[in-house]
């Protein structure tokens, strides 16, 4: 049997919600995903990469759309040296500055120091208005990451 995770991660890799905001967001998400096996907020020691797992299809330049998969592994290795504190990169295709967090991940992925996580949510989508309610409660715009193992 395979598992699925829905992770909601701030666009700011260093952002963390306060305890009350995290609790309020979890309450909202419980109402949205009543069949989920577990819902909680994961606080990481530092910045972590939250990927889409088996859902990952490609990694592209956010500036020109070029495929970056061959380059990406080395860029991740360089960023890992700083514990992902420095996500700055220059794309090999158009030689312009960007961030590893801003690359176009198909399916979405993000760097963050915490994630609101839904384990086996029992649903396969999150509507824009539902996401808006969670963002308002937690206090930050969020990237939606559907991770499949």
Protein backbone atom coordinates (compact mmCIF):
# COMPACT_ATOMS: atom_id res chain seq x y z
CA UNK A 1 0.00 0.00 0.00
CA UNK A 2 1.25 3.48 -0.78
CA UNK A 3 0.93 6.59 1.34
CA UNK A 4 0.08 10.17 0.47
CA UNK A 5 0.90 13.38 2.25
CA UNK A 6 -0.48 16.83 1.78
CA UNK A 7 2.03 19.38 3.02
CA UNK A 8 1.31 23.10 3.25
CA UNK A 9 4.57 25.06 3.38
CA UNK A 10 5.13 28.82 3.57
CA UNK A 11 6.68 30.54 0.55
CA UNK A 12 9.25 31.90 3.03
CA UNK A 13 11.60 29.01 3.94
CA UNK A 14 12.35 30.48 7.39
CA UNK A 15 8.78 31.32 8.43
CA UNK A 16 7.16 29.52 11.38
CA UNK A 17 3.66 30.01 12.77
CA UNK A 18 2.97 30.81 16.38
CA UNK A 19 1.51 28.05 18.52
CA UNK A 20 -2.07 29.44 18.46
CA UNK A 21 -1.98 29.99 14.68
CA UNK A 22 -0.70 26.44 14.10
CA UNK A 23 -3.44 25.03 16.34
CA UNK A 24 -6.15 27.06 14.52
CA UNK A 25 -4.89 25.92 11.11
CA UNK A 26 -4.86 22.27 12.21
CA UNK A 27 -8.47 22.62 13.40
CA UNK A 28 -9.53 23.97 9.99
CA UNK A 29 -7.64 21.24 8.13
CA UNK A 30 -9.27 18.54 10.31
CA UNK A 31 -12.64 19.81 9.09
CA UNK A 32 -11.46 19.71 5.45
CA UNK A 33 -9.95 16.21 5.66
CA UNK A 34 -12.04 14.23 8.18
CA UNK A 35 -10.75 10.87 6.88
CA UNK A 36 -7.06 11.77 7.32
CA UNK A 37 -4.98 9.39 9.41
CA UNK A 38 -3.03 12.22 11.05
CA UNK A 39 -2.84 16.03 10.88
CA UNK A 40 -0.15 18.13 12.53
CA UNK A 41 2.51 20.79 12.12
CA UNK A 42 6.07 19.54 11.60
CA UNK A 43 8.71 21.93 12.94
CA UNK A 44 12.14 21.20 11.47
CA UNK A 45 15.54 22.00 12.99
CA UNK A 46 16.46 24.06 9.92
CA UNK A 47 15.31 24.50 6.35
CA UNK A 48 14.17 21.24 4.73
CA UNK A 49 13.16 20.32 1.19
CA UNK A 50 9.55 19.11 0.97
CA UNK A 51 9.19 17.29 -2.33
CA UNK A 52 6.39 15.55 -4.19
CA UNK A 53 7.99 12.09 -3.98
CA UNK A 54 6.81 9.79 -6.76
CA UNK A 55 4.56 12.58 -8.08
CA UNK A 56 7.63 14.57 -9.22
CA UNK A 57 7.62 14.94 -13.00
CA UNK A 58 10.14 17.67 -13.79
CA UNK A 59 12.09 20.66 -12.54
CA UNK A 60 12.15 23.69 -14.80
CA UNK A 61 13.63 27.17 -14.93
CA UNK A 62 11.11 29.74 -13.67
CA UNK A 63 12.55 32.28 -16.11
CA UNK A 64 12.72 30.47 -19.48
CA UNK A 65 11.08 27.09 -18.80
CA UNK A 66 14.15 24.95 -19.62
CA UNK A 67 14.51 21.51 -18.05
CA UNK A 68 16.90 21.72 -15.06
CA UNK A 69 16.92 18.12 -13.84
CA UNK A 70 20.56 17.44 -14.83
CA UNK A 71 21.75 20.64 -13.11
CA UNK A 72 19.44 20.46 -10.09
CA UNK A 73 21.23 17.66 -8.19
CA UNK A 74 24.52 19.56 -8.05
CA UNK A 75 22.70 22.78 -7.12
CA UNK A 76 21.01 20.93 -4.25
CA UNK A 77 24.35 19.53 -3.10
CA UNK A 78 25.83 23.05 -3.00
CA UNK A 79 22.84 24.38 -1.05
CA UNK A 80 22.95 21.46 1.38
CA UNK A 81 26.42 22.55 2.51
CA UNK A 82 24.80 25.61 4.16
CA UNK A 83 21.88 23.55 5.51
CA UNK A 84 19.73 25.14 2.79
CA UNK A 85 20.18 28.56 4.38
CA UNK A 86 21.39 29.91 1.01
CA UNK A 87 19.03 28.90 -1.80
CA UNK A 88 20.42 31.40 -4.34
CA UNK A 89 21.33 29.95 -7.72
CA UNK A 90 22.14 31.06 -11.25
CA UNK A 91 20.33 29.05 -13.89
CA UNK A 92 22.52 27.21 -16.42
CA UNK A 93 20.08 27.92 -19.26
CA UNK A 94 19.57 31.68 -19.19
CA UNK A 95 22.33 32.52 -16.65
CA UNK A 96 20.01 34.57 -14.46
CA UNK A 97 19.74 34.62 -10.67
CA UNK A 98 16.89 32.81 -8.94
CA UNK A 99 16.28 30.66 -5.89
CA UNK A 100 16.00 26.88 -5.64
CA UNK A 101 12.70 27.59 -3.88
CA UNK A 102 11.43 29.47 -6.95
CA UNK A 103 12.17 26.76 -9.51
CA UNK A 104 9.11 25.38 -11.24
CA UNK A 105 8.62 21.95 -9.69
CA UNK A 106 6.07 19.77 -11.47
CA UNK A 107 4.45 18.70 -9.03
CA UNK A 108 5.08 21.53 -6.54
CA UNK A 109 7.85 21.31 -3.93
CA UNK A 110 9.17 23.84 -1.42
CA UNK A 111 11.85 24.62 1.11
CA UNK A 112 10.62 25.37 4.61
CA UNK A 113 11.30 25.12 8.30
CA UNK A 114 7.83 23.79 9.03
CA UNK A 115 4.91 22.18 7.25
CA UNK A 116 1.28 21.59 8.09
CA UNK A 117 1.06 17.90 7.20
CA UNK A 118 -1.94 15.72 6.42
CA UNK A 119 -1.10 12.00 6.31
CA UNK A 120 -3.29 10.00 3.92
CA UNK A 121 -5.83 12.83 3.59
CA UNK A 122 -8.51 10.73 1.85
CA UNK A 123 -8.94 13.54 -0.70
CA UNK A 124 -6.92 14.52 -3.77
CA UNK A 125 -7.49 18.24 -3.96
CA UNK A 126 -7.68 21.42 -1.94
CA UNK A 127 -9.85 24.23 -3.31
CA UNK A 128 -8.54 27.80 -3.44
CA UNK A 129 -11.09 29.00 -0.89
CA UNK A 130 -10.14 26.16 1.48
CA UNK A 131 -6.46 27.03 1.13
CA UNK A 132 -7.30 30.67 1.79
CA UNK A 133 -8.96 29.77 5.08
CA UNK A 134 -5.89 27.81 6.19
CA UNK A 135 -3.53 30.61 5.09
CA UNK A 136 -5.54 33.17 7.03
CA UNK A 137 -5.50 31.02 10.17
CA UNK A 138 -1.81 30.20 10.02
CA UNK A 139 -0.71 33.67 8.93
CA UNK A 140 1.21 33.00 5.71
CA UNK A 141 0.65 32.22 2.02
CA UNK A 142 1.25 28.48 1.53
CA UNK A 143 2.49 26.21 -1.23
CA UNK A 144 0.43 23.02 -1.65
CA UNK A 145 2.59 19.90 -1.98
CA UNK A 146 1.06 16.52 -2.72
CA UNK A 147 3.68 13.89 -1.83
CA UNK A 148 3.20 10.28 -2.92
CA UNK A 149 5.31 7.35 -1.64
